[in-house]
Amino acid sequence: MEDRFDDWRSTASASNKSVGYSILILSVITIIICIVGCLGNILSLVIFSHRDMRSTGTQLLRYLAAMDTGLLLLSFSYIVHNLHNYFSFSNMFLLVFMAVTPVTYPLSRSLRTCTVYLTSAVASHRALAVMRPLLCSKVTPKHIKAASIFIVVWSVAFNIPHWFALPPQLYWEPLINRTWLRYTTTNYTGSNLYLLVYEGYIQILLVYVIPTVFMITSAVAMVRSFVRRKVFRQSRRSLESSQNSEQTAVFLRQTSQLHQQTTRLTTIVLSVTVMSIISQGLASIELILFATVWGKGSNCGDCCKLLSSFNVLLISLNSGINFAFYGLWGAKYRYTCKNMCSCMKASV
């Protein structure tokens, strides 16, 4: 019975042991990131839902945390399957993975697209807030909700071709002595229309190039705001030294506190944006290789296997590290978390 599953692991068995151990290390790190990231995103969802944290900016971050959690869960299942190829656990696990892949594969691609566009929306909203604050103040929670729904619908609709890439097929499985499901490939899966046009040019343009351009533009705007803050601090010091009135000092102190809060939020969004830009860059390289080399049946070698594993790690890190940015630079985030924990202890 084991011979039936050797075909699924033939590529892995022929690989160099050092590559297998490298993928093992990357996979273990990715699994840890997925577990910690899911817990952190759930914590962020709870904190951002608190009444003291509700705003249009945190509303987008809350939606992003929800999508990131789903993506981390699917990445976890993928990386465990990747480990199974090199270090076999159970044939039953492989059967389950084969049965759910027709759903998890297009769903993970939809979630990935959704997180990319939500990150672009977060970055654009923050850039608008620092560059045109009066215009940004007109953006209401209803506008944010409508934009988020549009992003979700667009992500699902755009990835509809992936639902036909690995169609399910019923077959008789002797291992469990019953009819079972598995994913199959078709002529459509290996066609130039799917691999080169859709998975290649269209994906790179609409999922990687356009959102990344928005992120880079927004990041530049946020960096420019930091420069303006520095100029403001210098002018404030000179004004304080030239004017000693109490009213001027109070006004400058209040303005400084407001600028500090704005700078913290901008730093958080900038960190999330830069991490996403890095992840987008490497993912686009893998996609180009898939469309030009892997998809045409050429042997890409161990380098591509390592690149794929590292890409999954980076995508998982991008989805799982945001809560660390919130806690590191978000004083209000830490304060709300502390208060919620205190209330929970008091209720117990």
C-alpha atoms as a PDB file:
ATOM      1  CA  MET A   1       0.000   0.000   0.000  1.00  0.00           C
ATOM      2  CA  GLU A   2       2.917   2.338   0.673  1.00  0.00           C
ATOM      3  CA  ASP A   3       3.928   2.093  -2.996  1.00  0.00           C
ATOM      4  CA  ARG A   4       0.820   4.038  -3.982  1.00  0.00           C
ATOM      5  CA  PHE A   5       2.087   7.088  -2.135  1.00  0.00           C
ATOM      6  CA  ASP A   6       5.677   6.902  -3.311  1.00  0.00           C
ATOM      7  CA  ASP A   7       4.755   8.765  -6.497  1.00  0.00           C
ATOM      8  CA  TRP A   8       3.593  11.717  -4.457  1.00  0.00           C
ATOM      9  CA  ARG A   9       6.969  11.869  -2.721  1.00  0.00           C
ATOM     10  CA  SER A  10       9.213  10.871  -5.621  1.00  0.00           C
ATOM     11  CA  THR A  11      10.475  14.415  -6.154  1.00  0.00           C
ATOM     12  CA  ALA A  12      11.165  14.875  -2.463  1.00  0.00           C
ATOM     13  CA  SER A  13      12.941  11.496  -2.181  1.00  0.00           C
ATOM     14  CA  ALA A  14      15.336  12.405  -4.963  1.00  0.00           C
ATOM     15  CA  SER A  15      16.233  15.722  -3.381  1.00  0.00           C
ATOM     16  CA  ASN A  16      19.447  16.430  -1.623  1.00  0.00           C
ATOM     17  CA  LYS A  17      19.332  15.806   2.122  1.00  0.00           C
ATOM     18  CA  SER A  18      20.668  19.274   2.836  1.00  0.00           C
ATOM     19  CA  VAL A  19      17.755  20.777   0.900  1.00  0.00           C
ATOM     20  CA  GLY A  20      15.355  18.626   2.888  1.00  0.00           C
ATOM     21  CA  TYR A  21      16.827  19.820   6.185  1.00  0.00           C
ATOM     22  CA  SER A  22      16.792  23.440   4.993  1.00  0.00           C
ATOM     23  CA  ILE A  23      13.117  23.109   4.100  1.00  0.00           C
ATOM     24  CA  LEU A  24      12.531  21.442   7.473  1.00  0.00           C
ATOM     25  CA  ILE A  25      14.043  24.440   9.291  1.00  0.00           C
ATOM     26  CA  LEU A  26      12.037  26.927   7.194  1.00  0.00           C
ATOM     27  CA  SER A  27       8.876  24.885   7.733  1.00  0.00           C
ATOM     28  CA  VAL A  28       9.292  24.702  11.506  1.00  0.00           C
ATOM     29  CA  ILE A  29       9.887  28.468  11.662  1.00  0.00           C
ATOM     30  CA  THR A  30       6.813  29.028   9.479  1.00  0.00           C
ATOM     31  CA  ILE A  31       4.652  26.819  11.715  1.00  0.00           C
ATOM     32  CA  ILE A  32       5.760  28.804  14.784  1.00  0.00           C
ATOM     33  CA  ILE A  33       5.004  32.074  12.968  1.00  0.00           C
ATOM     34  CA  CYS A  34       1.552  30.783  11.955  1.00  0.00           C
ATOM     35  CA  ILE A  35       0.640  29.761  15.506  1.00  0.00           C
ATOM     36  CA  VAL A  36       1.940  32.959  17.139  1.00  0.00           C
ATOM     37  CA  GLY A  37       0.517  35.095  14.313  1.00  0.00           C
ATOM     38  CA  CYS A  38      -2.971  33.597  14.633  1.00  0.00           C
ATOM     39  CA  LEU A  39      -2.997  34.260  18.388  1.00  0.00           C
ATOM     40  CA  GLY A  40      -1.690  37.803  17.859  1.00  0.00           C
ATOM     41  CA  ASN A  41      -4.239  38.582  15.136  1.00  0.00           C
ATOM     42  CA  ILE A  42      -7.084  37.291  17.310  1.00  0.00           C
ATOM     43  CA  LEU A  43      -5.826  39.533  20.113  1.00  0.00           C
ATOM     44  CA  SER A  44      -5.729  42.471  17.685  1.00  0.00           C
ATOM     45  CA  LEU A  45      -9.288  41.732  16.565  1.00  0.00           C
ATOM     46  CA  VAL A  46     -10.473  41.883  20.173  1.00  0.00           C
ATOM     47  CA  ILE A  47      -8.523  45.073  20.969  1.00  0.00           C
ATOM     48  CA  PHE A  48      -9.528  46.917  17.788  1.00  0.00           C
ATOM     49  CA  SER A  49     -13.172  46.033  18.507  1.00  0.00           C
ATOM     50  CA  HIS A  50     -12.960  47.863  21.841  1.00  0.00           C
ATOM     51  CA  ARG A  51     -14.871  51.149  21.927  1.00  0.00           C
ATOM     52  CA  ASP A  52     -11.716  53.132  22.802  1.00  0.00           C
ATOM     53  CA  MET A  53      -9.939  51.856  19.677  1.00  0.00           C
ATOM     54  CA  ARG A  54     -12.657  52.397  17.097  1.00  0.00           C
ATOM     55  CA  SER A  55     -11.699  54.632  14.186  1.00  0.00           C
ATOM     56  CA  THR A  56     -11.564  54.398  10.418  1.00  0.00           C
ATOM     57  CA  GLY A  57      -7.875  53.469  10.540  1.00  0.00           C
ATOM     58  CA  THR A  58      -8.250  50.703  13.123  1.00  0.00           C
ATOM     59  CA  GLN A  59     -11.354  49.463  11.292  1.00  0.00           C
ATOM     60  CA  LEU A  60      -9.169  48.664   8.274  1.00  0.00           C
ATOM     61  CA  LEU A  61      -6.563  47.063  10.534  1.00  0.00           C
ATOM     62  CA  ARG A  62      -9.289  44.904  12.089  1.00  0.00           C
ATOM     63  CA  TYR A  63     -10.404  43.641   8.681  1.00  0.00           C
ATOM     64  CA  LEU A  64      -6.775  43.015   7.737  1.00  0.00           C
ATOM     65  CA  ALA A  65      -6.218  40.978  10.918  1.00  0.00           C
ATOM     66  CA  ALA A  66      -9.233  38.791  10.104  1.00  0.00           C
ATOM     67  CA  MET A  67      -7.992  38.062   6.572  1.00  0.00           C
ATOM     68  CA  ASP A  68      -4.444  37.451   7.835  1.00  0.00           C
ATOM     69  CA  THR A  69      -5.739  34.890  10.338  1.00  0.00           C
ATOM     70  CA  GLY A  70      -7.444  32.893   7.600  1.00  0.00           C
ATOM     71  CA  LEU A  71      -4.346  33.052   5.414  1.00  0.00           C
ATOM     72  CA  LEU A  72      -2.132  31.856   8.280  1.00  0.00           C
ATOM     73  CA  LEU A  73      -4.387  28.863   8.915  1.00  0.00           C
ATOM     74  CA  LEU A  74      -4.207  27.816   5.267  1.00  0.00           C
ATOM     75  CA  SER A  75      -0.443  28.429   5.189  1.00  0.00           C
ATOM     76  CA  PHE A  76      -0.148  26.167   8.220  1.00  0.00           C
ATOM     77  CA  SER A  77      -1.879  23.294   6.407  1.00  0.00           C
ATOM     78  CA  TYR A  78       0.291  23.829   3.326  1.00  0.00           C
ATOM     79  CA  ILE A  79       3.565  23.834   5.242  1.00  0.00           C
ATOM     80  CA  VAL A  80       2.610  20.697   7.179  1.00  0.00           C
ATOM     81  CA  HIS A  81       1.959  18.990   3.834  1.00  0.00           C
ATOM     82  CA  ASN A  82       5.346  20.230   2.632  1.00  0.00           C
ATOM     83  CA  LEU A  83       6.933  18.607   5.679  1.00  0.00           C
ATOM     84  CA  HIS A  84       5.008  15.421   4.958  1.00  0.00           C
ATOM     85  CA  ASN A  85       6.701  15.187   1.556  1.00  0.00           C
ATOM     86  CA  TYR A  86      10.094  14.926   3.235  1.00  0.00           C
ATOM     87  CA  PHE A  87       9.208  13.325   6.554  1.00  0.00           C
ATOM     88  CA  SER A  88       6.148  11.122   6.123  1.00  0.00           C
ATOM     89  CA  PHE A  89       3.694  11.300   9.033  1.00  0.00           C
ATOM     90  CA  SER A  90       0.587   9.430   8.000  1.00  0.00           C
ATOM     91  CA  ASN A  91      -0.985   8.469   4.711  1.00  0.00           C
ATOM     92  CA  MET A  92      -4.345   9.537   6.148  1.00  0.00           C
ATOM     93  CA  PHE A  93      -3.065  13.099   6.372  1.00  0.00           C
ATOM     94  CA  LEU A  94      -2.160  12.997   2.697  1.00  0.00           C
ATOM     95  CA  LEU A  95      -5.642  11.732   1.843  1.00  0.00           C
ATOM     96  CA  VAL A  96      -7.248  14.603   3.755  1.00  0.00           C
ATOM     97  CA  PHE A  97      -4.959  17.140   2.102  1.00  0.00           C
ATOM     98  CA  MET A  98      -5.766  15.773  -1.372  1.00  0.00           C
ATOM     99  CA  ALA A  99      -9.496  15.998  -0.611  1.00  0.00           C
ATOM    100  CA  VAL A 100      -9.531  19.608   0.634  1.00  0.00           C
ATOM    101  CA  THR A 101      -6.984  21.082  -1.822  1.00  0.00           C
ATOM    102  CA  PRO A 102      -9.641  21.922  -4.491  1.00  0.00           C
ATOM    103  CA  VAL A 103     -11.117  24.313  -1.898  1.00  0.00           C
ATOM    104  CA  THR A 104      -8.108  25.450   0.145  1.00  0.00           C
ATOM    105  CA  TYR A 105      -5.957  26.340  -2.869  1.00  0.00           C
ATOM    106  CA  PRO A 106      -8.315  28.910  -4.493  1.00  0.00           C
ATOM    107  CA  LEU A 107      -9.397  30.112  -1.043  1.00  0.00           C
ATOM    108  CA  SER A 108      -5.789  30.814  -0.026  1.00  0.00           C
ATOM    109  CA  ARG A 109      -5.203  32.705  -3.282  1.00  0.00           C
ATOM    110  CA  SER A 110      -8.339  34.781  -2.654  1.00  0.00           C
ATOM    111  CA  LEU A 111      -7.230  35.577   0.899  1.00  0.00           C
ATOM    112  CA  ARG A 112      -3.761  36.501  -0.337  1.00  0.00           C
ATOM    113  CA  THR A 113      -5.236  38.920  -2.886  1.00  0.00           C
ATOM    114  CA  CYS A 114      -7.547  40.347  -0.236  1.00  0.00           C
ATOM    115  CA  THR A 115      -4.717  40.967   2.266  1.00  0.00           C
ATOM    116  CA  VAL A 116      -2.619  42.673  -0.418  1.00  0.00           C
ATOM    117  CA  TYR A 117      -5.396  45.086  -1.358  1.00  0.00           C
ATOM    118  CA  LEU A 118      -6.381  45.690   2.277  1.00  0.00           C
ATOM    119  CA  THR A 119      -2.770  46.559   3.093  1.00  0.00           C
ATOM    120  CA  SER A 120      -2.787  48.962   0.146  1.00  0.00           C
ATOM    121  CA  ALA A 121      -5.999  50.481   1.494  1.00  0.00           C
ATOM    122  CA  VAL A 122      -4.488  50.863   4.989  1.00  0.00           C
ATOM    123  CA  ALA A 123      -1.377  52.527   3.568  1.00  0.00           C
ATOM    124  CA  SER A 124      -3.366  54.824   1.260  1.00  0.00           C
ATOM    125  CA  HIS A 125      -5.715  55.839   4.077  1.00  0.00           C
ATOM    126  CA  ARG A 126      -2.792  56.700   6.348  1.00  0.00           C
ATOM    127  CA  ALA A 127      -1.010  58.616   3.587  1.00  0.00           C
ATOM    128  CA  LEU A 128      -4.187  60.601   2.994  1.00  0.00           C
ATOM    129  CA  ALA A 129      -4.431  61.312   6.731  1.00  0.00           C
ATOM    130  CA  VAL A 130      -0.924  62.786   6.925  1.00  0.00           C
ATOM    131  CA  MET A 131      -1.032  64.625   3.599  1.00  0.00           C
ATOM    132  CA  ARG A 132      -4.674  65.773   3.467  1.00  0.00           C
ATOM    133  CA  PRO A 133      -6.099  65.467   7.007  1.00  0.00           C
ATOM    134  CA  LEU A 134      -9.221  67.534   6.288  1.00  0.00           C
ATOM    135  CA  LEU A 135     -10.108  65.355   3.321  1.00  0.00           C
ATOM    136  CA  CYS A 136      -9.420  62.184   5.317  1.00  0.00           C
ATOM    137  CA  SER A 137     -11.741  63.365   8.095  1.00  0.00           C
ATOM    138  CA  LYS A 138     -14.642  63.067   5.647  1.00  0.00           C
ATOM    139  CA  VAL A 139     -14.043  59.299   5.352  1.00  0.00           C
ATOM    140  CA  THR A 140     -16.613  57.540   7.554  1.00  0.00           C
ATOM    141  CA  PRO A 141     -16.802  53.949   8.853  1.00  0.00           C
ATOM    142  CA  LYS A 142     -19.483  53.279   6.230  1.00  0.00           C
ATOM    143  CA  HIS A 143     -17.038  54.230   3.485  1.00  0.00           C
ATOM    144  CA  ILE A 144     -14.392  51.918   4.979  1.00  0.00           C
ATOM    145  CA  LYS A 145     -16.882  49.057   5.249  1.00  0.00           C
ATOM    146  CA  ALA A 146     -18.050  49.529   1.664  1.00  0.00           C
ATOM    147  CA  ALA A 147     -14.464  49.639   0.381  1.00  0.00           C
ATOM    148  CA  SER A 148     -13.584  46.483   2.343  1.00  0.00           C
ATOM    149  CA  ILE A 149     -16.599  44.610   0.981  1.00  0.00           C
ATOM    150  CA  PHE A 150     -15.602  45.641  -2.525  1.00  0.00           C
ATOM    151  CA  ILE A 151     -12.063  44.348  -1.936  1.00  0.00           C
ATOM    152  CA  VAL A 152     -13.375  40.992  -0.697  1.00  0.00           C
ATOM    153  CA  VAL A 153     -15.779  40.611  -3.642  1.00  0.00           C
ATOM    154  CA  TRP A 154     -13.052  41.622  -6.097  1.00  0.00           C
ATOM    155  CA  SER A 155     -10.582  39.150  -4.563  1.00  0.00           C
ATOM    156  CA  VAL A 156     -13.034  36.258  -4.818  1.00  0.00           C
ATOM    157  CA  ALA A 157     -14.110  37.154  -8.357  1.00  0.00           C
ATOM    158  CA  PHE A 158     -10.549  37.653  -9.573  1.00  0.00           C
ATOM    159  CA  ASN A 159      -9.496  34.197  -8.323  1.00  0.00           C
ATOM    160  CA  ILE A 160     -12.422  32.289  -9.867  1.00  0.00           C
ATOM    161  CA  PRO A 161     -10.077  30.654 -12.458  1.00  0.00           C
ATOM    162  CA  HIS A 162      -8.195  28.997  -9.585  1.00  0.00           C
ATOM    163  CA  TRP A 163     -11.349  27.094  -8.647  1.00  0.00           C
ATOM    164  CA  PHE A 164     -11.094  25.252 -11.983  1.00  0.00           C
ATOM    165  CA  ALA A 165      -7.343  24.616 -11.796  1.00  0.00           C
ATOM    166  CA  LEU A 166      -7.496  21.590  -9.480  1.00  0.00           C
ATOM    167  CA  PRO A 167     -10.981  20.077  -9.846  1.00  0.00           C
ATOM    168  CA  PRO A 168     -12.031  17.325  -7.398  1.00  0.00           C
ATOM    169  CA  GLN A 169     -12.406  13.757  -8.576  1.00  0.00           C
ATOM    170  CA  LEU A 170     -14.091  10.773  -6.924  1.00  0.00           C
ATOM    171  CA  TYR A 171     -12.094   7.533  -6.793  1.00  0.00           C
ATOM    172  CA  TRP A 172     -11.927   4.332  -4.806  1.00  0.00           C
ATOM    173  CA  GLU A 173      -9.376   4.473  -2.008  1.00  0.00           C
ATOM    174  CA  PRO A 174      -8.281   0.992  -0.838  1.00  0.00           C
ATOM    175  CA  LEU A 175      -6.555   2.399   2.251  1.00  0.00           C
ATOM    176  CA  ILE A 176      -9.892   3.330   3.828  1.00  0.00           C
ATOM    177  CA  ASN A 177     -12.005   1.009   1.657  1.00  0.00           C
ATOM    178  CA  ARG A 178     -14.396   3.684   0.444  1.00  0.00           C
ATOM    179  CA  THR A 179     -14.937   6.342  -2.207  1.00  0.00           C
ATOM    180  CA  TRP A 180     -12.754   9.393  -1.643  1.00  0.00           C
ATOM    181  CA  LEU A 181     -11.920  12.774  -3.174  1.00  0.00           C
ATOM    182  CA  ARG A 182      -8.646  13.975  -4.633  1.00  0.00           C
ATOM    183  CA  TYR A 183      -7.564  16.910  -6.753  1.00  0.00           C
ATOM    184  CA  THR A 184      -6.682  16.388 -10.397  1.00  0.00           C
ATOM    185  CA  THR A 185      -5.053  18.415 -13.146  1.00  0.00           C
ATOM    186  CA  THR A 186      -6.641  19.070 -16.519  1.00  0.00           C
ATOM    187  CA  ASN A 187      -5.593  20.491 -19.865  1.00  0.00           C
ATOM    188  CA  TYR A 188      -6.774  23.845 -18.570  1.00  0.00           C
ATOM    189  CA  THR A 189      -4.315  23.641 -15.650  1.00  0.00           C
ATOM    190  CA  GLY A 190      -1.319  23.323 -17.970  1.00  0.00           C
ATOM    191  CA  SER A 191      -2.550  25.614 -20.715  1.00  0.00           C
ATOM    192  CA  ASN A 192      -0.797  28.824 -21.684  1.00  0.00           C
ATOM    193  CA  LEU A 193      -4.044  30.690 -21.052  1.00  0.00           C
ATOM    194  CA  TYR A 194      -3.943  29.748 -17.377  1.00  0.00           C
ATOM    195  CA  LEU A 195      -0.204  29.570 -16.675  1.00  0.00           C
ATOM    196  CA  LEU A 196       1.222  32.304 -18.853  1.00  0.00           C
ATOM    197  CA  VAL A 197      -1.645  34.789 -19.318  1.00  0.00           C
ATOM    198  CA  TYR A 198      -3.668  34.546 -16.101  1.00  0.00           C
ATOM    199  CA  GLU A 199      -1.159  33.163 -13.589  1.00  0.00           C
ATOM    200  CA  GLY A 200       1.641  35.126 -15.209  1.00  0.00           C
ATOM    201  CA  TYR A 201       0.888  38.515 -16.747  1.00  0.00           C
ATOM    202  CA  ILE A 202      -2.504  39.257 -15.176  1.00  0.00           C
ATOM    203  CA  GLN A 203      -1.553  38.116 -11.662  1.00  0.00           C
ATOM    204  CA  ILE A 204       1.712  40.028 -11.698  1.00  0.00           C
ATOM    205  CA  LEU A 205       0.013  43.203 -12.913  1.00  0.00           C
ATOM    206  CA  LEU A 206      -3.130  43.228 -10.760  1.00  0.00           C
ATOM    207  CA  VAL A 207      -1.957  41.470  -7.596  1.00  0.00           C
ATOM    208  CA  TYR A 208       1.661  42.580  -7.395  1.00  0.00           C
ATOM    209  CA  VAL A 209       2.541  45.617  -9.520  1.00  0.00           C
ATOM    210  CA  ILE A 210      -0.489  47.868  -8.976  1.00  0.00           C
ATOM    211  CA  PRO A 211      -0.891  47.277  -5.186  1.00  0.00           C
ATOM    212  CA  THR A 212       2.869  47.571  -4.669  1.00  0.00           C
ATOM    213  CA  VAL A 213       2.915  50.916  -6.500  1.00  0.00           C
ATOM    214  CA  PHE A 214       0.177  52.160  -4.149  1.00  0.00           C
ATOM    215  CA  MET A 215       2.127  50.896  -1.129  1.00  0.00           C
ATOM    216  CA  ILE A 216       5.399  52.501  -2.237  1.00  0.00           C
ATOM    217  CA  THR A 217       3.667  55.812  -3.007  1.00  0.00           C
ATOM    218  CA  SER A 218       1.946  55.771   0.378  1.00  0.00           C
ATOM    219  CA  ALA A 219       5.184  54.843   2.138  1.00  0.00           C
ATOM    220  CA  VAL A 220       6.975  57.788   0.524  1.00  0.00           C
ATOM    221  CA  ALA A 221       4.171  60.097   1.685  1.00  0.00           C
ATOM    222  CA  MET A 222       4.479  58.770   5.250  1.00  0.00           C
ATOM    223  CA  VAL A 223       8.256  59.216   5.240  1.00  0.00           C
ATOM    224  CA  ARG A 224       7.772  62.802   4.048  1.00  0.00           C
ATOM    225  CA  SER A 225       5.424  63.364   6.984  1.00  0.00           C
ATOM    226  CA  PHE A 226       8.224  62.323   9.343  1.00  0.00           C
ATOM    227  CA  VAL A 227      10.465  64.950   7.755  1.00  0.00           C
ATOM    228  CA  ARG A 228       7.782  67.594   8.305  1.00  0.00           C
ATOM    229  CA  ARG A 229       7.432  66.482  11.935  1.00  0.00           C
ATOM    230  CA  LYS A 230      11.170  66.998  12.413  1.00  0.00           C
ATOM    231  CA  VAL A 231      10.932  70.514  10.969  1.00  0.00           C
ATOM    232  CA  PHE A 232       7.963  71.204  13.244  1.00  0.00           C
ATOM    233  CA  ARG A 233       9.901  70.102  16.334  1.00  0.00           C
ATOM    234  CA  GLN A 234      12.796  72.377  15.416  1.00  0.00           C
ATOM    235  CA  SER A 235      10.481  75.357  14.909  1.00  0.00           C
ATOM    236  CA  ARG A 236       8.703  74.541  18.184  1.00  0.00           C
ATOM    237  CA  ARG A 237      11.957  74.652  20.119  1.00  0.00           C
ATOM    238  CA  SER A 238      12.869  78.007  18.608  1.00  0.00           C
ATOM    239  CA  LEU A 239       9.393  79.376  19.367  1.00  0.00           C
ATOM    240  CA  GLU A 240       9.555  78.170  22.971  1.00  0.00           C
ATOM    241  CA  SER A 241      12.893  79.863  23.439  1.00  0.00           C
ATOM    242  CA  SER A 242      11.659  83.156  21.979  1.00  0.00           C
ATOM    243  CA  GLN A 243       8.241  83.258  23.712  1.00  0.00           C
ATOM    244  CA  ASN A 244       7.780  82.454  27.379  1.00  0.00           C
ATOM    245  CA  SER A 245       4.021  82.991  27.722  1.00  0.00           C
ATOM    246  CA  GLU A 246       2.095  80.218  29.482  1.00  0.00           C
ATOM    247  CA  GLN A 247      -0.615  80.056  26.809  1.00  0.00           C
ATOM    248  CA  THR A 248       1.958  79.514  24.074  1.00  0.00           C
ATOM    249  CA  ALA A 249       3.630  76.757  26.082  1.00  0.00           C
ATOM    250  CA  VAL A 250       0.306  74.945  26.670  1.00  0.00           C
ATOM    251  CA  PHE A 251      -0.635  75.202  23.013  1.00  0.00           C
ATOM    252  CA  LEU A 252       2.726  73.876  21.863  1.00  0.00           C
ATOM    253  CA  ARG A 253       2.564  71.036  24.392  1.00  0.00           C
ATOM    254  CA  GLN A 254      -0.906  69.933  23.216  1.00  0.00           C
ATOM    255  CA  THR A 255       0.149  70.160  19.586  1.00  0.00           C
ATOM    256  CA  SER A 256       3.250  68.101  20.338  1.00  0.00           C
ATOM    257  CA  GLN A 257       1.184  65.336  22.005  1.00  0.00           C
ATOM    258  CA  LEU A 258      -1.156  65.202  19.008  1.00  0.00           C
ATOM    259  CA  HIS A 259       1.796  64.939  16.659  1.00  0.00           C
ATOM    260  CA  GLN A 260       3.281  62.124  18.746  1.00  0.00           C
ATOM    261  CA  GLN A 261       0.058  60.085  18.507  1.00  0.00           C
ATOM    262  CA  THR A 262      -0.100  60.670  14.760  1.00  0.00           C
ATOM    263  CA  THR A 263       3.556  59.704  14.369  1.00  0.00           C
ATOM    264  CA  ARG A 264       3.053  56.426  16.275  1.00  0.00           C
ATOM    265  CA  LEU A 265       0.141  55.385  14.077  1.00  0.00           C
ATOM    266  CA  THR A 266       2.046  56.386  10.955  1.00  0.00           C
ATOM    267  CA  THR A 267       5.043  54.337  12.118  1.00  0.00           C
ATOM    268  CA  ILE A 268       2.820  51.283  12.615  1.00  0.00           C
ATOM    269  CA  VAL A 269       1.247  51.553   9.163  1.00  0.00           C
ATOM    270  CA  LEU A 270       4.630  52.248   7.565  1.00  0.00           C
ATOM    271  CA  SER A 271       6.070  49.095   9.169  1.00  0.00           C
ATOM    272  CA  VAL A 272       3.143  46.993   7.929  1.00  0.00           C
ATOM    273  CA  THR A 273       3.485  48.510   4.460  1.00  0.00           C
ATOM    274  CA  VAL A 274       7.236  47.953   4.152  1.00  0.00           C
ATOM    275  CA  MET A 275       6.890  44.345   5.284  1.00  0.00           C
ATOM    276  CA  SER A 276       4.196  43.787   2.661  1.00  0.00           C
ATOM    277  CA  ILE A 277       6.343  45.383  -0.070  1.00  0.00           C
ATOM    278  CA  ILE A 278       9.197  42.978   0.738  1.00  0.00           C
ATOM    279  CA  SER A 279       6.845  40.007   0.705  1.00  0.00           C
ATOM    280  CA  GLN A 280       5.321  41.153  -2.581  1.00  0.00           C
ATOM    281  CA  GLY A 281       8.734  41.414  -4.211  1.00  0.00           C
ATOM    282  CA  LEU A 282       9.797  37.854  -3.447  1.00  0.00           C
ATOM    283  CA  ALA A 283       6.351  36.425  -4.228  1.00  0.00           C
ATOM    284  CA  SER A 284       6.421  38.054  -7.659  1.00  0.00           C
ATOM    285  CA  ILE A 285       9.773  36.372  -8.375  1.00  0.00           C
ATOM    286  CA  GLU A 286       8.292  32.984  -7.538  1.00  0.00           C
ATOM    287  CA  LEU A 287       5.252  33.714  -9.696  1.00  0.00           C
ATOM    288  CA  ILE A 288       7.448  34.645 -12.673  1.00  0.00           C
ATOM    289  CA  LEU A 289       9.394  31.386 -12.252  1.00  0.00           C
ATOM    290  CA  PHE A 290       6.146  29.431 -12.012  1.00  0.00           C
ATOM    291  CA  ALA A 291       4.772  30.977 -15.179  1.00  0.00           C
ATOM    292  CA  THR A 292       7.977  30.646 -17.206  1.00  0.00           C
ATOM    293  CA  VAL A 293       9.898  27.640 -15.837  1.00  0.00           C
ATOM    294  CA  TRP A 294       7.898  25.477 -13.457  1.00  0.00           C
ATOM    295  CA  GLY A 295       4.710  25.669 -15.459  1.00  0.00           C
ATOM    296  CA  LYS A 296       6.434  24.440 -18.621  1.00  0.00           C
ATOM    297  CA  GLY A 297       7.673  21.254 -17.048  1.00  0.00           C
ATOM    298  CA  SER A 298      11.313  22.285 -16.683  1.00  0.00           C
ATOM    299  CA  ASN A 299      13.230  21.133 -13.662  1.00  0.00           C
ATOM    300  CA  CYS A 300      13.738  24.260 -11.612  1.00  0.00           C
ATOM    301  CA  GLY A 301      15.896  22.406  -9.122  1.00  0.00           C
ATOM    302  CA  ASP A 302      16.411  22.695  -5.408  1.00  0.00           C
ATOM    303  CA  CYS A 303      16.718  26.478  -5.627  1.00  0.00           C
ATOM    304  CA  CYS A 304      13.044  26.805  -6.552  1.00  0.00           C
ATOM    305  CA  LYS A 305      11.972  24.503  -3.714  1.00  0.00           C
ATOM    306  CA  LEU A 306      13.878  26.600  -1.226  1.00  0.00           C
ATOM    307  CA  LEU A 307      12.499  29.800  -2.769  1.00  0.00           C
ATOM    308  CA  SER A 308       8.951  28.477  -2.486  1.00  0.00           C
ATOM    309  CA  SER A 309       9.424  27.513   1.181  1.00  0.00           C
ATOM    310  CA  PHE A 310      11.057  30.857   1.974  1.00  0.00           C
ATOM    311  CA  ASN A 311       8.260  32.670   0.165  1.00  0.00           C
ATOM    312  CA  VAL A 312       5.635  30.898   2.285  1.00  0.00           C
ATOM    313  CA  LEU A 313       7.631  31.827   5.380  1.00  0.00           C
ATOM    314  CA  LEU A 314       7.771  35.481   4.330  1.00  0.00           C
ATOM    315  CA  ILE A 315       4.055  35.593   3.497  1.00  0.00           C
ATOM    316  CA  SER A 316       3.276  34.030   6.888  1.00  0.00           C
ATOM    317  CA  LEU A 317       5.591  36.524   8.592  1.00  0.00           C
ATOM    318  CA  ASN A 318       3.881  39.370   6.753  1.00  0.00           C
ATOM    319  CA  SER A 319       0.485  38.168   7.998  1.00  0.00           C
ATOM    320  CA  GLY A 320       1.619  37.248  11.498  1.00  0.00           C
ATOM    321  CA  ILE A 321       3.929  40.049  12.589  1.00  0.00           C
ATOM    322  CA  ASN A 322       1.535  42.992  12.431  1.00  0.00           C
ATOM    323  CA  PHE A 323       0.383  42.589  16.040  1.00  0.00           C
ATOM    324  CA  ALA A 324       4.027  43.018  17.113  1.00  0.00           C
ATOM    325  CA  PHE A 325       4.127  46.393  15.344  1.00  0.00           C
ATOM    326  CA  TYR A 326       0.901  47.402  17.092  1.00  0.00           C
ATOM    327  CA  GLY A 327       2.296  46.475  20.489  1.00  0.00           C
ATOM    328  CA  LEU A 328       5.727  47.990  19.874  1.00  0.00           C
ATOM    329  CA  TRP A 329       4.650  51.444  18.691  1.00  0.00           C
ATOM    330  CA  GLY A 330       0.996  51.625  19.720  1.00  0.00           C
ATOM    331  CA  ALA A 331       0.780  53.077  23.225  1.00  0.00           C
ATOM    332  CA  LYS A 332      -3.030  53.069  23.085  1.00  0.00           C
ATOM    333  CA  TYR A 333      -2.967  49.460  21.861  1.00  0.00           C
ATOM    334  CA  ARG A 334      -0.884  48.412  24.876  1.00  0.00           C
ATOM    335  CA  TYR A 335      -3.028  50.477  27.252  1.00  0.00           C
ATOM    336  CA  THR A 336      -6.267  48.947  25.966  1.00  0.00           C
ATOM    337  CA  CYS A 337      -4.796  45.449  26.137  1.00  0.00           C
ATOM    338  CA  LYS A 338      -3.681  46.040  29.734  1.00  0.00           C
ATOM    339  CA  ASN A 339      -7.115  47.359  30.739  1.00  0.00           C
ATOM    340  CA  MET A 340      -8.893  44.398  29.126  1.00  0.00           C
ATOM    341  CA  CYS A 341      -6.608  41.957  30.926  1.00  0.00           C
ATOM    342  CA  SER A 342      -7.222  43.768  34.234  1.00  0.00           C
ATOM    343  CA  CYS A 343     -10.987  43.580  33.722  1.00  0.00           C
ATOM    344  CA  MET A 344     -10.752  39.856  32.973  1.00  0.00           C
ATOM    345  CA  LYS A 345      -8.762  39.238  36.168  1.00  0.00           C
ATOM    346  CA  ALA A 346     -11.233  41.297  38.194  1.00  0.00           C
ATOM    347  CA  SER A 347     -14.207  39.339  36.810  1.00  0.00           C
ATOM    348  CA  VAL A 348     -12.521  36.040  37.673  1.00  0.00           C
END
